[in-house]
Amino acid sequence: IRVEKPEEINELKRLRDRVRQLERLLADANIDVALERAYTELACERAGVDVEAFKKKAAGQLRTKR
């Protein structure tokens, strides 16, 4: 048997809620990344551009804009 103070119970509930929220946010972020990858692949395919070459070119452009 474990004895907890009311504030400990509330803290546990708050932390569990926070974990659930973070899990949802992570799932949303993973979906966004998957959609972006799929869109990039589709756009490159339609434009006749190699995906890897496009990624390298885009990465190089991002570095020079800083």
Protein backbone atom coordinates (compact mmCIF):
# COMPACT_ATOMS: atom_id res chain seq x y z
CA ILE A 1 0.00 0.00 0.00
CA ARG A 2 1.29 3.41 -0.93
CA VAL A 3 0.19 6.54 0.91
CA GLU A 4 0.21 9.73 -1.13
CA LYS A 5 -0.56 13.29 -0.28
CA PRO A 6 -3.26 15.02 -2.37
CA GLU A 7 -0.66 17.19 -4.12
CA GLU A 8 1.32 14.07 -5.06
CA ILE A 9 -1.79 12.56 -6.64
CA ASN A 10 -2.41 15.79 -8.56
CA GLU A 11 1.21 15.88 -9.69
CA LEU A 12 1.01 12.31 -10.96
CA LYS A 13 -2.18 13.10 -12.91
CA ARG A 14 -0.61 16.26 -14.32
CA LEU A 15 2.48 14.38 -15.45
CA ARG A 16 0.43 11.60 -17.06
CA ASP A 17 -1.64 14.21 -18.90
CA ARG A 18 1.56 15.90 -20.05
CA VAL A 19 2.95 12.61 -21.35
CA ARG A 20 -0.27 12.00 -23.31
CA GLN A 21 -0.09 15.52 -24.74
CA LEU A 22 3.54 15.07 -25.77
CA GLU A 23 2.76 11.70 -27.36
CA ARG A 24 0.00 13.33 -29.43
CA LEU A 25 2.30 16.16 -30.47
CA LEU A 26 5.02 13.70 -31.46
CA ALA A 27 2.54 11.68 -33.52
CA ASP A 28 1.39 14.88 -35.25
CA ALA A 29 4.99 15.87 -35.98
CA ASN A 30 5.73 12.43 -37.41
CA ILE A 31 2.69 12.68 -39.67
CA ASP A 32 3.77 16.14 -40.83
CA VAL A 33 7.26 14.85 -41.69
CA ALA A 34 5.85 11.85 -43.55
CA LEU A 35 3.52 14.10 -45.57
CA GLU A 36 6.33 16.51 -46.37
CA ARG A 37 8.57 13.67 -47.55
CA ALA A 38 5.81 12.22 -49.70
CA TYR A 39 5.04 15.64 -51.18
CA THR A 40 8.72 16.26 -51.93
CA GLU A 41 9.08 12.88 -53.62
CA LEU A 42 5.94 13.44 -55.69
CA ALA A 43 6.98 16.97 -56.68
CA CYS A 44 10.47 15.79 -57.66
CA GLU A 45 9.02 12.90 -59.64
CA ARG A 46 6.67 15.21 -61.55
CA ALA A 47 9.46 17.73 -62.17
CA GLY A 48 11.86 15.02 -63.28
CA VAL A 49 14.35 15.83 -60.53
CA ASP A 50 16.27 13.29 -58.44
CA VAL A 51 15.05 13.52 -54.83
CA GLU A 52 18.51 13.12 -53.29
CA ALA A 53 19.97 15.79 -55.58
CA PHE A 54 17.13 18.13 -54.65
CA LYS A 55 17.70 17.54 -50.93
CA LYS A 56 21.43 18.24 -51.26
CA LYS A 57 20.79 21.40 -53.25
CA ALA A 58 18.14 22.61 -50.81
CA ALA A 59 20.38 21.87 -47.82
CA GLY A 60 23.20 23.88 -49.39
CA GLN A 61 20.89 26.83 -49.99
CA LEU A 62 19.71 26.79 -46.38
CA ARG A 63 23.27 26.96 -45.07
CA THR A 64 24.20 29.96 -47.20
CA LYS A 65 21.20 32.04 -46.13
CA ARG A 66 22.33 32.28 -42.50
